[in-house]
Amino acid sequence: MANINTSDCSHIVNTELDLPGTTCEECGVTSPTRVCLSCGHIGCCETTNGHALAHSRASGHPVIRELPISERSFTWCYDCNAYLK
């Protein structure tokens, strides 16, 4: 898995998201979850039920952020197949 600079990812959007929580909208899993940086959808990781990836494929929104958001949480682009730094 690659690491690329955020500036090198053409899929990143600059949005301010108001997160109501960290629970997967489809199955209710509370961890590990990811937020879509395009629309704020919260889905679970592929290690659980994969709803974050399913949302990305269905919506065309490729960039997610690990929840809860902190200085250590990662940002991932499915289209670039890379962590953004």
C-alpha atoms as a PDB file:
ATOM      1  CA  MET A   1       0.000   0.000   0.000  1.00  0.00           C
ATOM      2  CA  ALA A   2       1.336   3.322  -1.022  1.00  0.00           C
ATOM      3  CA  ASN A   3       1.572   6.621   0.781  1.00  0.00           C
ATOM      4  CA  ILE A   4       1.083   9.718  -1.351  1.00  0.00           C
ATOM      5  CA  ASN A   5       0.842  13.417  -0.619  1.00  0.00           C
ATOM      6  CA  THR A   6      -2.686  14.726  -0.345  1.00  0.00           C
ATOM      7  CA  SER A   7      -1.827  17.260  -3.056  1.00  0.00           C
ATOM      8  CA  ASP A   8      -1.099  14.354  -5.436  1.00  0.00           C
ATOM      9  CA  CYS A   9      -4.605  12.885  -5.060  1.00  0.00           C
ATOM     10  CA  SER A  10      -7.097  14.426  -7.483  1.00  0.00           C
ATOM     11  CA  HIS A  11     -10.010  12.852  -5.577  1.00  0.00           C
ATOM     12  CA  ILE A  12      -9.661  14.767  -2.300  1.00  0.00           C
ATOM     13  CA  VAL A  13     -12.315  17.360  -1.582  1.00  0.00           C
ATOM     14  CA  ASN A  14     -12.167  20.145   0.955  1.00  0.00           C
ATOM     15  CA  THR A  15     -15.291  19.789   3.033  1.00  0.00           C
ATOM     16  CA  GLU A  16     -16.189  20.551   6.591  1.00  0.00           C
ATOM     17  CA  LEU A  17     -18.181  17.643   7.959  1.00  0.00           C
ATOM     18  CA  ASP A  18     -20.485  17.737  10.956  1.00  0.00           C
ATOM     19  CA  LEU A  19     -20.268  14.185  12.278  1.00  0.00           C
ATOM     20  CA  PRO A  20     -23.279  13.041  14.288  1.00  0.00           C
ATOM     21  CA  GLY A  21     -21.401   9.989  15.569  1.00  0.00           C
ATOM     22  CA  THR A  22     -19.137   7.136  14.555  1.00  0.00           C
ATOM     23  CA  THR A  23     -21.644   4.317  14.014  1.00  0.00           C
ATOM     24  CA  CYS A  24     -21.988   2.542  10.649  1.00  0.00           C
ATOM     25  CA  GLU A  25     -25.194   3.749   9.001  1.00  0.00           C
ATOM     26  CA  GLU A  26     -25.958   0.297   7.567  1.00  0.00           C
ATOM     27  CA  CYS A  27     -25.226  -2.194  10.330  1.00  0.00           C
ATOM     28  CA  GLY A  28     -24.665  -0.230  13.538  1.00  0.00           C
ATOM     29  CA  VAL A  29     -21.054  -1.322  14.097  1.00  0.00           C
ATOM     30  CA  THR A  30     -19.293   1.266  16.238  1.00  0.00           C
ATOM     31  CA  SER A  31     -15.690   0.383  15.382  1.00  0.00           C
ATOM     32  CA  PRO A  32     -13.735   0.362  13.141  1.00  0.00           C
ATOM     33  CA  THR A  33     -15.614   2.921  11.082  1.00  0.00           C
ATOM     34  CA  ARG A  34     -14.764   5.392   8.328  1.00  0.00           C
ATOM     35  CA  VAL A  35     -16.331   8.649   7.150  1.00  0.00           C
ATOM     36  CA  CYS A  36     -16.728   9.575   3.481  1.00  0.00           C
ATOM     37  CA  LEU A  37     -15.038  12.924   2.962  1.00  0.00           C
ATOM     38  CA  SER A  38     -17.378  13.797   0.096  1.00  0.00           C
ATOM     39  CA  CYS A  39     -20.735  13.451   1.837  1.00  0.00           C
ATOM     40  CA  GLY A  40     -20.195  12.402   5.465  1.00  0.00           C
ATOM     41  CA  HIS A  41     -21.575   8.863   5.137  1.00  0.00           C
ATOM     42  CA  ILE A  42     -20.297   6.649   7.960  1.00  0.00           C
ATOM     43  CA  GLY A  43     -19.559   3.031   7.106  1.00  0.00           C
ATOM     44  CA  CYS A  44     -17.687   0.158   8.683  1.00  0.00           C
ATOM     45  CA  CYS A  45     -14.288  -1.076   7.573  1.00  0.00           C
ATOM     46  CA  GLU A  46     -13.660  -4.054   5.290  1.00  0.00           C
ATOM     47  CA  THR A  47     -12.540  -6.057   8.338  1.00  0.00           C
ATOM     48  CA  THR A  48     -16.153  -5.980   9.543  1.00  0.00           C
ATOM     49  CA  ASN A  49     -18.939  -5.661   6.951  1.00  0.00           C
ATOM     50  CA  GLY A  50     -17.289  -3.374   4.370  1.00  0.00           C
ATOM     51  CA  HIS A  51     -19.989  -0.706   4.197  1.00  0.00           C
ATOM     52  CA  ALA A  52     -17.471   2.147   3.721  1.00  0.00           C
ATOM     53  CA  LEU A  53     -16.093   0.446   0.602  1.00  0.00           C
ATOM     54  CA  ALA A  54     -19.596  -0.407  -0.630  1.00  0.00           C
ATOM     55  CA  HIS A  55     -20.604   3.251  -0.246  1.00  0.00           C
ATOM     56  CA  SER A  56     -17.504   4.355  -2.153  1.00  0.00           C
ATOM     57  CA  ARG A  57     -18.254   2.018  -5.053  1.00  0.00           C
ATOM     58  CA  ALA A  58     -21.942   2.933  -5.216  1.00  0.00           C
ATOM     59  CA  SER A  59     -21.462   6.689  -4.881  1.00  0.00           C
ATOM     60  CA  GLY A  60     -18.130   7.270  -6.607  1.00  0.00           C
ATOM     61  CA  HIS A  61     -16.785   8.930  -3.447  1.00  0.00           C
ATOM     62  CA  PRO A  62     -13.278   7.475  -3.079  1.00  0.00           C
ATOM     63  CA  VAL A  63     -11.785   9.253  -0.053  1.00  0.00           C
ATOM     64  CA  ILE A  64     -12.429   8.148   3.537  1.00  0.00           C
ATOM     65  CA  ARG A  65     -11.080   9.057   6.975  1.00  0.00           C
ATOM     66  CA  GLU A  66     -10.674   6.765   9.943  1.00  0.00           C
ATOM     67  CA  LEU A  67     -12.973   7.435  12.888  1.00  0.00           C
ATOM     68  CA  PRO A  68     -12.808   8.836  15.430  1.00  0.00           C
ATOM     69  CA  ILE A  69     -10.970  11.696  13.766  1.00  0.00           C
ATOM     70  CA  SER A  70      -7.753  12.593  15.528  1.00  0.00           C
ATOM     71  CA  GLU A  71      -4.221  13.592  14.616  1.00  0.00           C
ATOM     72  CA  ARG A  72      -3.421   9.882  14.223  1.00  0.00           C
ATOM     73  CA  SER A  73      -6.412   8.837  12.084  1.00  0.00           C
ATOM     74  CA  PHE A  74      -5.572   8.005   8.488  1.00  0.00           C
ATOM     75  CA  THR A  75      -7.069   9.206   5.220  1.00  0.00           C
ATOM     76  CA  TRP A  76      -7.389   6.666   2.387  1.00  0.00           C
ATOM     77  CA  CYS A  77      -8.243   7.015  -1.296  1.00  0.00           C
ATOM     78  CA  TYR A  78      -9.767   3.885  -2.830  1.00  0.00           C
ATOM     79  CA  ASP A  79      -9.113   5.161  -6.382  1.00  0.00           C
ATOM     80  CA  CYS A  80      -5.415   5.895  -5.715  1.00  0.00           C
ATOM     81  CA  ASN A  81      -5.154   2.766  -3.524  1.00  0.00           C
ATOM     82  CA  ALA A  82      -3.082   4.829  -1.118  1.00  0.00           C
ATOM     83  CA  TYR A  83      -2.930   6.509   2.254  1.00  0.00           C
ATOM     84  CA  LEU A  84      -2.883  10.299   1.955  1.00  0.00           C
ATOM     85  CA  LYS A  85      -0.354  12.238   3.999  1.00  0.00           C
END
